[in-house]
């Protein structure tokens, strides 16, 4: 889905602003455009205007869970890669994520180096 100039669009959604800021900083690169949102509805509003190639989603957020957001993203854009980040790793989260064809699940605290490697594998030109 990257545009004609090979700019890959990444979305980070987490209700903790510091996580959004840190992850955006770690992922920043000349060939990437990073957007952050602190809730699911705000993320969906952005996605209506600008689809993304890769989304990092927190599981537990007020109003709309990351799994619900993942489902909505996949309905609108099946090619979008989704990485779930959670501080509440549980079997049911894994099962739901698999059903939604989520690409990866990471536990918090996040290993930013590992997340960067994963992002690189999806967004290298």
PDB file of N, CA and C in Angstrom:
ATOM      1  N   UNK A   1       0.813  -1.188   0.000  1.00  0.00           N
ATOM      2  CA  UNK A   1       0.000   0.000   0.000  1.00  0.00           C
ATOM      3  C   UNK A   1       0.863   1.261   0.000  1.00  0.00           C
ATOM      4  N   UNK A   2       2.142   1.108   0.141  1.00  0.00           N
ATOM      5  CA  UNK A   2       3.005   2.293   0.154  1.00  0.00           C
ATOM      6  C   UNK A   2       2.769   3.109  -1.104  1.00  0.00           C
ATOM      7  N   UNK A   3       2.907   4.415  -0.984  1.00  0.00           N
ATOM      8  CA  UNK A   3       2.618   5.271  -2.131  1.00  0.00           C
ATOM      9  C   UNK A   3       3.743   5.208  -3.162  1.00  0.00           C
ATOM     10  N   UNK A   4       3.590   5.984  -4.239  1.00  0.00           N
ATOM     11  CA  UNK A   4       4.526   5.948  -5.348  1.00  0.00           C
ATOM     12  C   UNK A   4       5.943   6.336  -4.948  1.00  0.00           C
ATOM     13  N   UNK A   5       6.118   6.984  -3.846  1.00  0.00           N
ATOM     14  CA  UNK A   5       7.451   7.396  -3.395  1.00  0.00           C
ATOM     15  C   UNK A   5       8.002   6.445  -2.334  1.00  0.00           C
ATOM     16  N   UNK A   6       7.354   5.281  -2.161  1.00  0.00           N
ATOM     17  CA  UNK A   6       7.755   4.285  -1.168  1.00  0.00           C
ATOM     18  C   UNK A   6       7.771   4.831   0.255  1.00  0.00           C
ATOM     19  N   UNK A   7       6.805   5.656   0.561  1.00  0.00           N
ATOM     20  CA  UNK A   7       6.623   6.107   1.936  1.00  0.00           C
ATOM     21  C   UNK A   7       5.605   5.176   2.574  1.00  0.00           C
ATOM     22  N   UNK A   8       6.003   4.518   3.635  1.00  0.00           N
ATOM     23  CA  UNK A   8       5.135   3.583   4.331  1.00  0.00           C
ATOM     24  C   UNK A   8       4.460   4.291   5.488  1.00  0.00           C
ATOM     25  N   UNK A   9       3.157   4.127   5.555  1.00  0.00           N
ATOM     26  CA  UNK A   9       2.361   4.779   6.592  1.00  0.00           C
ATOM     27  C   UNK A   9       2.174   3.822   7.765  1.00  0.00           C
ATOM     28  N   UNK A  10       2.535   4.306   8.956  1.00  0.00           N
ATOM     29  CA  UNK A  10       2.414   3.522  10.180  1.00  0.00           C
ATOM     30  C   UNK A  10       1.521   4.278  11.151  1.00  0.00           C
ATOM     31  N   UNK A  11       0.649   3.535  11.812  1.00  0.00           N
ATOM     32  CA  UNK A  11      -0.242   4.094  12.824  1.00  0.00           C
ATOM     33  C   UNK A  11       0.054   3.428  14.158  1.00  0.00           C
ATOM     34  N   UNK A  12       0.204   4.238  15.199  1.00  0.00           N
ATOM     35  CA  UNK A  12       0.393   3.749  16.566  1.00  0.00           C
ATOM     36  C   UNK A  12      -0.814   4.213  17.371  1.00  0.00           C
ATOM     37  N   UNK A  13      -1.519   3.254  18.011  1.00  0.00           N
ATOM     38  CA  UNK A  13      -2.699   3.594  18.804  1.00  0.00           C
ATOM     39  C   UNK A  13      -2.520   3.017  20.204  1.00  0.00           C
ATOM     40  N   UNK A  14      -2.449   3.913  21.185  1.00  0.00           N
ATOM     41  CA  UNK A  14      -2.298   3.516  22.589  1.00  0.00           C
ATOM     42  C   UNK A  14      -2.856   4.646  23.444  1.00  0.00           C
ATOM     43  N   UNK A  15      -3.570   4.300  24.500  1.00  0.00           N
ATOM     44  CA  UNK A  15      -4.145   5.338  25.360  1.00  0.00           C
ATOM     45  C   UNK A  15      -3.112   5.955  26.293  1.00  0.00           C
ATOM     46  N   UNK A  16      -1.888   5.441  26.276  1.00  0.00           N
ATOM     47  CA  UNK A  16      -0.795   6.037  27.051  1.00  0.00           C
ATOM     48  C   UNK A  16       0.051   6.890  26.099  1.00  0.00           C
ATOM     49  N   UNK A  17      -0.042   8.214  26.210  1.00  0.00           N
ATOM     50  CA  UNK A  17       0.688   9.083  25.275  1.00  0.00           C
ATOM     51  C   UNK A  17       2.186   8.806  25.211  1.00  0.00           C
ATOM     52  N   UNK A  18       2.797   8.439  26.318  1.00  0.00           N
ATOM     53  CA  UNK A  18       4.242   8.190  26.312  1.00  0.00           C
ATOM     54  C   UNK A  18       4.593   7.001  25.427  1.00  0.00           C
ATOM     55  N   UNK A  19       3.736   5.982  25.394  1.00  0.00           N
ATOM     56  CA  UNK A  19       3.978   4.827  24.522  1.00  0.00           C
ATOM     57  C   UNK A  19       3.901   5.261  23.064  1.00  0.00           C
ATOM     58  N   UNK A  20       2.878   6.048  22.730  1.00  0.00           N
ATOM     59  CA  UNK A  20       2.755   6.567  21.360  1.00  0.00           C
ATOM     60  C   UNK A  20       4.000   7.354  20.967  1.00  0.00           C
ATOM     61  N   UNK A  21       4.430   8.247  21.843  1.00  0.00           N
ATOM     62  CA  UNK A  21       5.591   9.089  21.550  1.00  0.00           C
ATOM     63  C   UNK A  21       6.859   8.263  21.381  1.00  0.00           C
ATOM     64  N   UNK A  22       7.089   7.329  22.301  1.00  0.00           N
ATOM     65  CA  UNK A  22       8.296   6.506  22.239  1.00  0.00           C
ATOM     66  C   UNK A  22       8.314   5.631  20.992  1.00  0.00           C
ATOM     67  N   UNK A  23       7.205   4.974  20.729  1.00  0.00           N
ATOM     68  CA  UNK A  23       7.154   4.093  19.567  1.00  0.00           C
ATOM     69  C   UNK A  23       7.299   4.887  18.267  1.00  0.00           C
ATOM     70  N   UNK A  24       6.668   6.033  18.192  1.00  0.00           N
ATOM     71  CA  UNK A  24       6.811   6.879  17.003  1.00  0.00           C
ATOM     72  C   UNK A  24       8.267   7.295  16.801  1.00  0.00           C
ATOM     73  N   UNK A  25       8.935   7.635  17.882  1.00  0.00           N
ATOM     74  CA  UNK A  25      10.344   8.037  17.794  1.00  0.00           C
ATOM     75  C   UNK A  25      11.220   6.873  17.351  1.00  0.00           C
ATOM     76  N   UNK A  26      10.983   5.687  17.890  1.00  0.00           N
ATOM     77  CA  UNK A  26      11.764   4.501  17.524  1.00  0.00           C
ATOM     78  C   UNK A  26      11.554   4.149  16.055  1.00  0.00           C
ATOM     79  N   UNK A  27      10.329   4.280  15.573  1.00  0.00           N
ATOM     80  CA  UNK A  27       9.997   3.877  14.206  1.00  0.00           C
ATOM     81  C   UNK A  27      10.327   4.925  13.152  1.00  0.00           C
ATOM     82  N   UNK A  28      10.606   6.140  13.584  1.00  0.00           N
ATOM     83  CA  UNK A  28      10.839   7.235  12.641  1.00  0.00           C
ATOM     84  C   UNK A  28      12.001   6.901  11.693  1.00  0.00           C
ATOM     85  N   UNK A  29      11.755   7.101  10.402  1.00  0.00           N
ATOM     86  CA  UNK A  29      12.764   6.887   9.358  1.00  0.00           C
ATOM     87  C   UNK A  29      12.327   7.680   8.133  1.00  0.00           C
ATOM     88  N   UNK A  30      13.279   8.002   7.239  1.00  0.00           N
ATOM     89  CA  UNK A  30      12.926   8.803   6.068  1.00  0.00           C
ATOM     90  C   UNK A  30      11.834   8.176   5.186  1.00  0.00           C
ATOM     91  N   UNK A  31      11.749   6.861   5.157  1.00  0.00           N
ATOM     92  CA  UNK A  31      10.778   6.193   4.286  1.00  0.00           C
ATOM     93  C   UNK A  31       9.465   5.855   5.008  1.00  0.00           C
ATOM     94  N   UNK A  32       9.249   6.451   6.177  1.00  0.00           N
ATOM     95  CA  UNK A  32       8.037   6.173   6.950  1.00  0.00           C
ATOM     96  C   UNK A  32       7.332   7.454   7.359  1.00  0.00           C
ATOM     97  N   UNK A  33       6.007   7.385   7.349  1.00  0.00           N
ATOM     98  CA  UNK A  33       5.168   8.440   7.901  1.00  0.00           C
ATOM     99  C   UNK A  33       4.460   7.833   9.102  1.00  0.00           C
ATOM    100  N   UNK A  34       4.616   8.438  10.273  1.00  0.00           N
ATOM    101  CA  UNK A  34       4.061   7.887  11.513  1.00  0.00           C
ATOM    102  C   UNK A  34       2.936   8.787  12.007  1.00  0.00           C
ATOM    103  N   UNK A  35       1.805   8.179  12.310  1.00  0.00           N
ATOM    104  CA  UNK A  35       0.677   8.874  12.934  1.00  0.00           C
ATOM    105  C   UNK A  35       0.400   8.197  14.265  1.00  0.00           C
ATOM    106  N   UNK A  36      -0.023   8.960  15.262  1.00  0.00           N
ATOM    107  CA  UNK A  36      -0.403   8.381  16.550  1.00  0.00           C
ATOM    108  C   UNK A  36      -1.809   8.842  16.909  1.00  0.00           C
ATOM    109  N   UNK A  37      -2.514   7.977  17.599  1.00  0.00           N
ATOM    110  CA  UNK A  37      -3.837   8.296  18.121  1.00  0.00           C
ATOM    111  C   UNK A  37      -3.958   7.632  19.488  1.00  0.00           C
ATOM    112  N   UNK A  38      -4.789   8.229  20.369  1.00  0.00           N
ATOM    113  CA  UNK A  38      -4.903   7.698  21.729  1.00  0.00           C
ATOM    114  C   UNK A  38      -6.172   6.881  21.959  1.00  0.00           C
ATOM    115  N   UNK A  39      -6.937   6.612  20.883  1.00  0.00           N
ATOM    116  CA  UNK A  39      -8.136   5.781  21.042  1.00  0.00           C
ATOM    117  C   UNK A  39      -8.580   5.243  19.686  1.00  0.00           C
ATOM    118  N   UNK A  40      -9.414   4.209  19.732  1.00  0.00           N
ATOM    119  CA  UNK A  40      -9.885   3.554  18.520  1.00  0.00           C
ATOM    120  C   UNK A  40     -10.701   4.446  17.601  1.00  0.00           C
ATOM    121  N   UNK A  41     -11.712   5.162  18.121  1.00  0.00           N
ATOM    122  CA  UNK A  41     -12.501   6.024  17.228  1.00  0.00           C
ATOM    123  C   UNK A  41     -11.658   7.071  16.498  1.00  0.00           C
ATOM    124  N   UNK A  42     -10.698   7.665  17.167  1.00  0.00           N
ATOM    125  CA  UNK A  42      -9.821   8.647  16.516  1.00  0.00           C
ATOM    126  C   UNK A  42      -8.979   7.972  15.429  1.00  0.00           C
ATOM    127  N   UNK A  43      -8.544   6.747  15.701  1.00  0.00           N
ATOM    128  CA  UNK A  43      -7.770   6.000  14.701  1.00  0.00           C
ATOM    129  C   UNK A  43      -8.635   5.702  13.478  1.00  0.00           C
ATOM    130  N   UNK A  44      -9.876   5.286  13.696  1.00  0.00           N
ATOM    131  CA  UNK A  44     -10.770   4.988  12.573  1.00  0.00           C
ATOM    132  C   UNK A  44     -11.051   6.224  11.737  1.00  0.00           C
ATOM    133  N   UNK A  45     -11.192   7.361  12.402  1.00  0.00           N
ATOM    134  CA  UNK A  45     -11.414   8.622  11.682  1.00  0.00           C
ATOM    135  C   UNK A  45     -10.235   8.913  10.753  1.00  0.00           C
ATOM    136  N   UNK A  46      -9.024   8.730  11.264  1.00  0.00           N
ATOM    137  CA  UNK A  46      -7.832   8.926  10.444  1.00  0.00           C
ATOM    138  C   UNK A  46      -7.812   7.939   9.277  1.00  0.00           C
ATOM    139  N   UNK A  47      -8.131   6.680   9.558  1.00  0.00           N
ATOM    140  CA  UNK A  47      -8.060   5.645   8.533  1.00  0.00           C
ATOM    141  C   UNK A  47      -9.082   5.835   7.422  1.00  0.00           C
ATOM    142  N   UNK A  48     -10.169   6.523   7.724  1.00  0.00           N
ATOM    143  CA  UNK A  48     -11.146   6.826   6.671  1.00  0.00           C
ATOM    144  C   UNK A  48     -10.518   7.702   5.592  1.00  0.00           C
ATOM    145  N   UNK A  49      -9.639   8.593   5.996  1.00  0.00           N
ATOM    146  CA  UNK A  49      -8.982   9.514   5.064  1.00  0.00           C
ATOM    147  C   UNK A  49      -7.664   8.968   4.522  1.00  0.00           C
ATOM    148  N   UNK A  50      -6.933   8.253   5.368  1.00  0.00           N
ATOM    149  CA  UNK A  50      -5.580   7.812   5.020  1.00  0.00           C
ATOM    150  C   UNK A  50      -5.321   6.392   5.491  1.00  0.00           C
ATOM    151  N   UNK A  51      -5.421   5.402   4.615  1.00  0.00           N
ATOM    152  CA  UNK A  51      -5.103   4.031   5.026  1.00  0.00           C
ATOM    153  C   UNK A  51      -3.622   3.915   5.406  1.00  0.00           C
ATOM    154  N   UNK A  52      -3.303   2.896   6.174  1.00  0.00           N
ATOM    155  CA  UNK A  52      -1.920   2.684   6.607  1.00  0.00           C
ATOM    156  C   UNK A  52      -1.443   1.304   6.166  1.00  0.00           C
ATOM    157  N   UNK A  53      -0.133   1.147   6.152  1.00  0.00           N
ATOM    158  CA  UNK A  53       0.482  -0.130   5.808  1.00  0.00           C
ATOM    159  C   UNK A  53       0.651  -1.022   7.031  1.00  0.00           C
ATOM    160  N   UNK A  54       0.881  -0.384   8.179  1.00  0.00           N
ATOM    161  CA  UNK A  54       1.197  -1.110   9.405  1.00  0.00           C
ATOM    162  C   UNK A  54       0.589  -0.376  10.588  1.00  0.00           C
ATOM    163  N   UNK A  55      -0.044  -1.134  11.494  1.00  0.00           N
ATOM    164  CA  UNK A  55      -0.656  -0.530  12.683  1.00  0.00           C
ATOM    165  C   UNK A  55      -0.177  -1.258  13.928  1.00  0.00           C
ATOM    166  N   UNK A  56       0.263  -0.480  14.913  1.00  0.00           N
ATOM    167  CA  UNK A  56       0.610  -0.988  16.239  1.00  0.00           C
ATOM    168  C   UNK A  56      -0.541  -0.597  17.158  1.00  0.00           C
ATOM    169  N   UNK A  57      -1.209  -1.596  17.756  1.00  0.00           N
ATOM    170  CA  UNK A  57      -2.404  -1.331  18.549  1.00  0.00           C
ATOM    171  C   UNK A  57      -2.275  -1.885  19.955  1.00  0.00           C
ATOM    172  N   UNK A  58      -2.608  -1.064  20.945  1.00  0.00           N
ATOM    173  CA  UNK A  58      -2.718  -1.528  22.322  1.00  0.00           C
ATOM    174  C   UNK A  58      -4.026  -2.317  22.425  1.00  0.00           C
ATOM    175  N   UNK A  59      -4.058  -3.332  23.279  1.00  0.00           N
ATOM    176  CA  UNK A  59      -5.283  -4.133  23.428  1.00  0.00           C
ATOM    177  C   UNK A  59      -6.307  -3.412  24.288  1.00  0.00           C
ATOM    178  N   UNK A  60      -5.896  -2.994  25.470  1.00  0.00           N
ATOM    179  CA  UNK A  60      -6.855  -2.402  26.409  1.00  0.00           C
ATOM    180  C   UNK A  60      -6.839  -0.885  26.314  1.00  0.00           C
ATOM    181  N   UNK A  61      -7.923  -0.374  25.748  1.00  0.00           N
ATOM    182  CA  UNK A  61      -8.105   1.072  25.645  1.00  0.00           C
ATOM    183  C   UNK A  61      -9.567   1.363  25.950  1.00  0.00           C
ATOM    184  N   UNK A  62      -9.851   2.513  26.543  1.00  0.00           N
ATOM    185  CA  UNK A  62     -11.245   2.853  26.815  1.00  0.00           C
ATOM    186  C   UNK A  62     -12.031   3.063  25.519  1.00  0.00           C
ATOM    187  N   UNK A  63     -13.282   2.637  25.535  1.00  0.00           N
ATOM    188  CA  UNK A  63     -14.171   2.880  24.400  1.00  0.00           C
ATOM    189  C   UNK A  63     -14.130   1.819  23.319  1.00  0.00           C
ATOM    190  N   UNK A  64     -12.952   1.421  22.893  1.00  0.00           N
ATOM    191  CA  UNK A  64     -12.800   0.409  21.845  1.00  0.00           C
ATOM    192  C   UNK A  64     -11.481  -0.314  22.072  1.00  0.00           C
ATOM    193  N   UNK A  65     -11.552  -1.621  22.174  1.00  0.00           N
ATOM    194  CA  UNK A  65     -10.323  -2.387  22.401  1.00  0.00           C
ATOM    195  C   UNK A  65      -9.483  -2.427  21.127  1.00  0.00           C
ATOM    196  N   UNK A  66      -8.224  -2.734  21.306  1.00  0.00           N
ATOM    197  CA  UNK A  66      -7.341  -2.881  20.157  1.00  0.00           C
ATOM    198  C   UNK A  66      -7.758  -4.028  19.250  1.00  0.00           C
ATOM    199  N   UNK A  67      -8.354  -5.075  19.842  1.00  0.00           N
ATOM    200  CA  UNK A  67      -8.824  -6.192  19.024  1.00  0.00           C
ATOM    201  C   UNK A  67     -10.025  -5.780  18.174  1.00  0.00           C
ATOM    202  N   UNK A  68     -10.927  -4.993  18.755  1.00  0.00           N
ATOM    203  CA  UNK A  68     -12.053  -4.489  17.980  1.00  0.00           C
ATOM    204  C   UNK A  68     -11.552  -3.561  16.870  1.00  0.00           C
ATOM    205  N   UNK A  69     -10.589  -2.725  17.200  1.00  0.00           N
ATOM    206  CA  UNK A  69     -10.003  -1.831  16.202  1.00  0.00           C
ATOM    207  C   UNK A  69      -9.329  -2.647  15.096  1.00  0.00           C
ATOM    208  N   UNK A  70      -8.609  -3.702  15.464  1.00  0.00           N
ATOM    209  CA  UNK A  70      -7.959  -4.565  14.470  1.00  0.00           C
ATOM    210  C   UNK A  70      -8.997  -5.151  13.515  1.00  0.00           C
ATOM    211  N   UNK A  71     -10.117  -5.582  14.058  1.00  0.00           N
ATOM    212  CA  UNK A  71     -11.171  -6.145  13.221  1.00  0.00           C
ATOM    213  C   UNK A  71     -11.693  -5.105  12.237  1.00  0.00           C
ATOM    214  N   UNK A  72     -11.924  -3.906  12.714  1.00  0.00           N
ATOM    215  CA  UNK A  72     -12.441  -2.826  11.853  1.00  0.00           C
ATOM    216  C   UNK A  72     -11.421  -2.466  10.776  1.00  0.00           C
ATOM    217  N   UNK A  73     -10.137  -2.445  11.144  1.00  0.00           N
ATOM    218  CA  UNK A  73      -9.092  -2.135  10.165  1.00  0.00           C
ATOM    219  C   UNK A  73      -9.051  -3.214   9.092  1.00  0.00           C
ATOM    220  N   UNK A  74      -9.081  -4.472   9.508  1.00  0.00           N
ATOM    221  CA  UNK A  74      -9.008  -5.587   8.550  1.00  0.00           C
ATOM    222  C   UNK A  74     -10.226  -5.611   7.623  1.00  0.00           C
ATOM    223  N   UNK A  75     -11.382  -5.213   8.131  1.00  0.00           N
ATOM    224  CA  UNK A  75     -12.580  -5.151   7.280  1.00  0.00           C
ATOM    225  C   UNK A  75     -12.409  -4.127   6.170  1.00  0.00           C
ATOM    226  N   UNK A  76     -11.801  -2.990   6.495  1.00  0.00           N
ATOM    227  CA  UNK A  76     -11.639  -1.907   5.523  1.00  0.00           C
ATOM    228  C   UNK A  76     -10.384  -2.073   4.667  1.00  0.00           C
ATOM    229  N   UNK A  77      -9.348  -2.658   5.253  1.00  0.00           N
ATOM    230  CA  UNK A  77      -8.063  -2.755   4.561  1.00  0.00           C
ATOM    231  C   UNK A  77      -7.359  -4.064   4.935  1.00  0.00           C
ATOM    232  N   UNK A  78      -7.757  -5.178   4.307  1.00  0.00           N
ATOM    233  CA  UNK A  78      -7.196  -6.491   4.672  1.00  0.00           C
ATOM    234  C   UNK A  78      -5.680  -6.591   4.532  1.00  0.00           C
ATOM    235  N   UNK A  79      -5.078  -5.760   3.696  1.00  0.00           N
ATOM    236  CA  UNK A  79      -3.623  -5.826   3.483  1.00  0.00           C
ATOM    237  C   UNK A  79      -2.820  -5.146   4.593  1.00  0.00           C
ATOM    238  N   UNK A  80      -3.487  -4.391   5.459  1.00  0.00           N
ATOM    239  CA  UNK A  80      -2.770  -3.706   6.538  1.00  0.00           C
ATOM    240  C   UNK A  80      -2.207  -4.731   7.522  1.00  0.00           C
ATOM    241  N   UNK A  81      -0.933  -4.601   7.818  1.00  0.00           N
ATOM    242  CA  UNK A  81      -0.295  -5.461   8.824  1.00  0.00           C
ATOM    243  C   UNK A  81      -0.624  -4.895  10.204  1.00  0.00           C
ATOM    244  N   UNK A  82      -0.925  -5.786  11.147  1.00  0.00           N
ATOM    245  CA  UNK A  82      -1.293  -5.340  12.485  1.00  0.00           C
ATOM    246  C   UNK A  82      -0.430  -6.029  13.520  1.00  0.00           C
ATOM    247  N   UNK A  83       0.129  -5.205  14.404  1.00  0.00           N
ATOM    248  CA  UNK A  83       0.911  -5.671  15.549  1.00  0.00           C
ATOM    249  C   UNK A  83       0.128  -5.283  16.802  1.00  0.00           C
ATOM    250  N   UNK A  84      -0.164  -6.261  17.635  1.00  0.00           N
ATOM    251  CA  UNK A  84      -0.876  -6.018  18.891  1.00  0.00           C
ATOM    252  C   UNK A  84       0.154  -5.928  20.019  1.00  0.00           C
ATOM    253  N   UNK A  85       0.004  -4.918  20.871  1.00  0.00           N
ATOM    254  CA  UNK A  85       0.865  -4.735  22.032  1.00  0.00           C
ATOM    255  C   UNK A  85      -0.026  -4.779  23.271  1.00  0.00           C
ATOM    256  N   UNK A  86       0.335  -5.595  24.230  1.00  0.00           N
ATOM    257  CA  UNK A  86      -0.534  -5.736  25.391  1.00  0.00           C
ATOM    258  C   UNK A  86       0.245  -5.927  26.683  1.00  0.00           C
ATOM    259  N   UNK A  87      -0.276  -5.340  27.720  1.00  0.00           N
ATOM    260  CA  UNK A  87       0.251  -5.562  29.059  1.00  0.00           C
ATOM    261  C   UNK A  87      -0.525  -6.666  29.764  1.00  0.00           C
ATOM    262  N   UNK A  88      -1.521  -7.216  29.077  1.00  0.00           N
ATOM    263  CA  UNK A  88      -2.417  -8.217  29.672  1.00  0.00           C
ATOM    264  C   UNK A  88      -2.472  -9.444  28.777  1.00  0.00           C
ATOM    265  N   UNK A  89      -1.336 -10.057  28.587  1.00  0.00           N
ATOM    266  CA  UNK A  89      -1.223 -11.219  27.707  1.00  0.00           C
ATOM    267  C   UNK A  89      -2.057 -12.361  28.262  1.00  0.00           C
ATOM    268  N   UNK A  90      -2.959 -12.875  27.454  1.00  0.00           N
ATOM    269  CA  UNK A  90      -3.817 -13.972  27.875  1.00  0.00           C
ATOM    270  C   UNK A  90      -4.158 -14.830  26.664  1.00  0.00           C
ATOM    271  N   UNK A  91      -4.519 -16.065  26.916  1.00  0.00           N
ATOM    272  CA  UNK A  91      -4.836 -17.001  25.843  1.00  0.00           C
ATOM    273  C   UNK A  91      -5.977 -16.498  24.965  1.00  0.00           C
ATOM    274  N   UNK A  92      -7.003 -15.897  25.583  1.00  0.00           N
ATOM    275  CA  UNK A  92      -8.134 -15.422  24.778  1.00  0.00           C
ATOM    276  C   UNK A  92      -7.721 -14.285  23.843  1.00  0.00           C
ATOM    277  N   UNK A  93      -6.777 -13.445  24.291  1.00  0.00           N
ATOM    278  CA  UNK A  93      -6.267 -12.374  23.425  1.00  0.00           C
ATOM    279  C   UNK A  93      -5.558 -13.002  22.228  1.00  0.00           C
ATOM    280  N   UNK A  94      -4.741 -14.014  22.465  1.00  0.00           N
ATOM    281  CA  UNK A  94      -4.027 -14.695  21.375  1.00  0.00           C
ATOM    282  C   UNK A  94      -5.001 -15.327  20.390  1.00  0.00           C
ATOM    283  N   UNK A  95      -6.012 -15.990  20.914  1.00  0.00           N
ATOM    284  CA  UNK A  95      -6.988 -16.649  20.042  1.00  0.00           C
ATOM    285  C   UNK A  95      -7.742 -15.644  19.188  1.00  0.00           C
ATOM    286  N   UNK A  96      -8.190 -14.554  19.801  1.00  0.00           N
ATOM    287  CA  UNK A  96      -8.893 -13.518  19.043  1.00  0.00           C
ATOM    288  C   UNK A  96      -7.980 -12.902  17.993  1.00  0.00           C
ATOM    289  N   UNK A  97      -6.740 -12.651  18.371  1.00  0.00           N
ATOM    290  CA  UNK A  97      -5.780 -12.048  17.440  1.00  0.00           C
ATOM    291  C   UNK A  97      -5.545 -12.972  16.243  1.00  0.00           C
ATOM    292  N   UNK A  98      -5.439 -14.274  16.486  1.00  0.00           N
ATOM    293  CA  UNK A  98      -5.252 -15.224  15.394  1.00  0.00           C
ATOM    294  C   UNK A  98      -6.459 -15.217  14.461  1.00  0.00           C
ATOM    295  N   UNK A  99      -7.653 -15.166  15.017  1.00  0.00           N
ATOM    296  CA  UNK A  99      -8.869 -15.145  14.203  1.00  0.00           C
ATOM    297  C   UNK A  99      -8.924 -13.896  13.328  1.00  0.00           C
ATOM    298  N   UNK A 100      -8.355 -12.805  13.818  1.00  0.00           N
ATOM    299  CA  UNK A 100      -8.353 -11.543  13.080  1.00  0.00           C
ATOM    300  C   UNK A 100      -7.174 -11.424  12.117  1.00  0.00           C
ATOM    301  N   UNK A 101      -6.333 -12.446  12.081  1.00  0.00           N
ATOM    302  CA  UNK A 101      -5.141 -12.455  11.228  1.00  0.00           C
ATOM    303  C   UNK A 101      -4.171 -11.338  11.587  1.00  0.00           C
ATOM    304  N   UNK A 102      -4.038 -11.100  12.896  1.00  0.00           N
ATOM    305  CA  UNK A 102      -3.037 -10.154  13.399  1.00  0.00           C
ATOM    306  C   UNK A 102      -1.667 -10.760  13.122  1.00  0.00           C
ATOM    307  N   UNK A 103      -0.728  -9.917  12.714  1.00  0.00           N
ATOM    308  CA  UNK A 103       0.589 -10.413  12.330  1.00  0.00           C
ATOM    309  C   UNK A 103       1.450 -10.840  13.516  1.00  0.00           C
ATOM    310  N   UNK A 104       1.431 -10.054  14.583  1.00  0.00           N
ATOM    311  CA  UNK A 104       2.272 -10.351  15.755  1.00  0.00           C
ATOM    312  C   UNK A 104       1.615  -9.816  17.017  1.00  0.00           C
ATOM    313  N   UNK A 105       1.995 -10.413  18.156  1.00  0.00           N
ATOM    314  CA  UNK A 105       1.557  -9.936  19.471  1.00  0.00           C
ATOM    315  C   UNK A 105       2.806  -9.737  20.311  1.00  0.00           C
ATOM    316  N   UNK A 106       2.891  -8.575  20.963  1.00  0.00           N
ATOM    317  CA  UNK A 106       4.016  -8.273  21.856  1.00  0.00           C
ATOM    318  C   UNK A 106       3.486  -7.929  23.235  1.00  0.00           C
ATOM    319  N   UNK A 107       4.201  -8.386  24.228  1.00  0.00           N
ATOM    320  CA  UNK A 107       3.857  -8.041  25.613  1.00  0.00           C
ATOM    321  C   UNK A 107       4.580  -6.767  26.029  1.00  0.00           C
ATOM    322  N   UNK A 108       3.899  -5.975  26.851  1.00  0.00           N
ATOM    323  CA  UNK A 108       4.539  -4.821  27.482  1.00  0.00           C
ATOM    324  C   UNK A 108       5.214  -5.312  28.745  1.00  0.00           C
ATOM    325  N   UNK A 109       6.322  -4.757  29.161  1.00  0.00           N
ATOM    326  CA  UNK A 109       6.983  -3.616  28.540  1.00  0.00           C
ATOM    327  C   UNK A 109       7.543  -4.014  27.173  1.00  0.00           C
ATOM    328  N   UNK A 110       7.448  -3.085  26.243  1.00  0.00           N
ATOM    329  CA  UNK A 110       7.830  -3.338  24.865  1.00  0.00           C
ATOM    330  C   UNK A 110       9.344  -3.360  24.692  1.00  0.00           C
ATOM    331  N   UNK A 111       9.794  -4.251  23.834  1.00  0.00           N
ATOM    332  CA  UNK A 111      11.187  -4.293  23.420  1.00  0.00           C
ATOM    333  C   UNK A 111      11.249  -3.491  22.114  1.00  0.00           C
ATOM    334  N   UNK A 112      11.641  -2.224  22.204  1.00  0.00           N
ATOM    335  CA  UNK A 112      11.595  -1.342  21.048  1.00  0.00           C
ATOM    336  C   UNK A 112      12.515  -1.806  19.923  1.00  0.00           C
ATOM    337  N   UNK A 113      13.635  -2.411  20.261  1.00  0.00           N
ATOM    338  CA  UNK A 113      14.531  -2.934  19.229  1.00  0.00           C
ATOM    339  C   UNK A 113      13.855  -4.023  18.413  1.00  0.00           C
ATOM    340  N   UNK A 114      13.151  -4.909  19.078  1.00  0.00           N
ATOM    341  CA  UNK A 114      12.444  -5.983  18.384  1.00  0.00           C
ATOM    342  C   UNK A 114      11.298  -5.426  17.528  1.00  0.00           C
ATOM    343  N   UNK A 115      10.568  -4.444  18.064  1.00  0.00           N
ATOM    344  CA  UNK A 115       9.495  -3.825  17.297  1.00  0.00           C
ATOM    345  C   UNK A 115      10.038  -3.122  16.056  1.00  0.00           C
ATOM    346  N   UNK A 116      11.195  -2.498  16.183  1.00  0.00           N
ATOM    347  CA  UNK A 116      11.816  -1.832  15.043  1.00  0.00           C
ATOM    348  C   UNK A 116      12.202  -2.855  13.968  1.00  0.00           C
ATOM    349  N   UNK A 117      12.732  -3.992  14.391  1.00  0.00           N
ATOM    350  CA  UNK A 117      13.075  -5.038  13.426  1.00  0.00           C
ATOM    351  C   UNK A 117      11.838  -5.526  12.683  1.00  0.00           C
ATOM    352  N   UNK A 118      10.745  -5.692  13.416  1.00  0.00           N
ATOM    353  CA  UNK A 118       9.494  -6.131  12.784  1.00  0.00           C
ATOM    354  C   UNK A 118       9.013  -5.065  11.799  1.00  0.00           C
ATOM    355  N   UNK A 119       9.004  -3.813  12.216  1.00  0.00           N
ATOM    356  CA  UNK A 119       8.597  -2.729  11.316  1.00  0.00           C
ATOM    357  C   UNK A 119       9.478  -2.702  10.075  1.00  0.00           C
ATOM    358  N   UNK A 120      10.777  -2.872  10.268  1.00  0.00           N
ATOM    359  CA  UNK A 120      11.701  -2.890   9.138  1.00  0.00           C
ATOM    360  C   UNK A 120      11.357  -4.010   8.165  1.00  0.00           C
ATOM    361  N   UNK A 121      10.961  -5.167   8.691  1.00  0.00           N
ATOM    362  CA  UNK A 121      10.651  -6.290   7.810  1.00  0.00           C
ATOM    363  C   UNK A 121       9.429  -6.005   6.940  1.00  0.00           C
ATOM    364  N   UNK A 122       8.537  -5.142   7.396  1.00  0.00           N
ATOM    365  CA  UNK A 122       7.344  -4.804   6.612  1.00  0.00           C
ATOM    366  C   UNK A 122       7.553  -3.564   5.753  1.00  0.00           C
ATOM    367  N   UNK A 123       8.475  -2.691   6.116  1.00  0.00           N
ATOM    368  CA  UNK A 123       8.541  -1.386   5.453  1.00  0.00           C
ATOM    369  C   UNK A 123       9.855  -1.082   4.745  1.00  0.00           C
ATOM    370  N   UNK A 124      10.758  -2.008   4.675  1.00  0.00           N
ATOM    371  CA  UNK A 124      12.011  -1.737   3.935  1.00  0.00           C
ATOM    372  C   UNK A 124      11.705  -1.601   2.462  1.00  0.00           C
ATOM    373  N   UNK A 125      12.358  -0.623   1.844  1.00  0.00           N
ATOM    374  CA  UNK A 125      12.133  -0.464   0.395  1.00  0.00           C
ATOM    375  C   UNK A 125      13.174  -1.230  -0.379  1.00  0.00           C
TER     376      UNK A 125
END
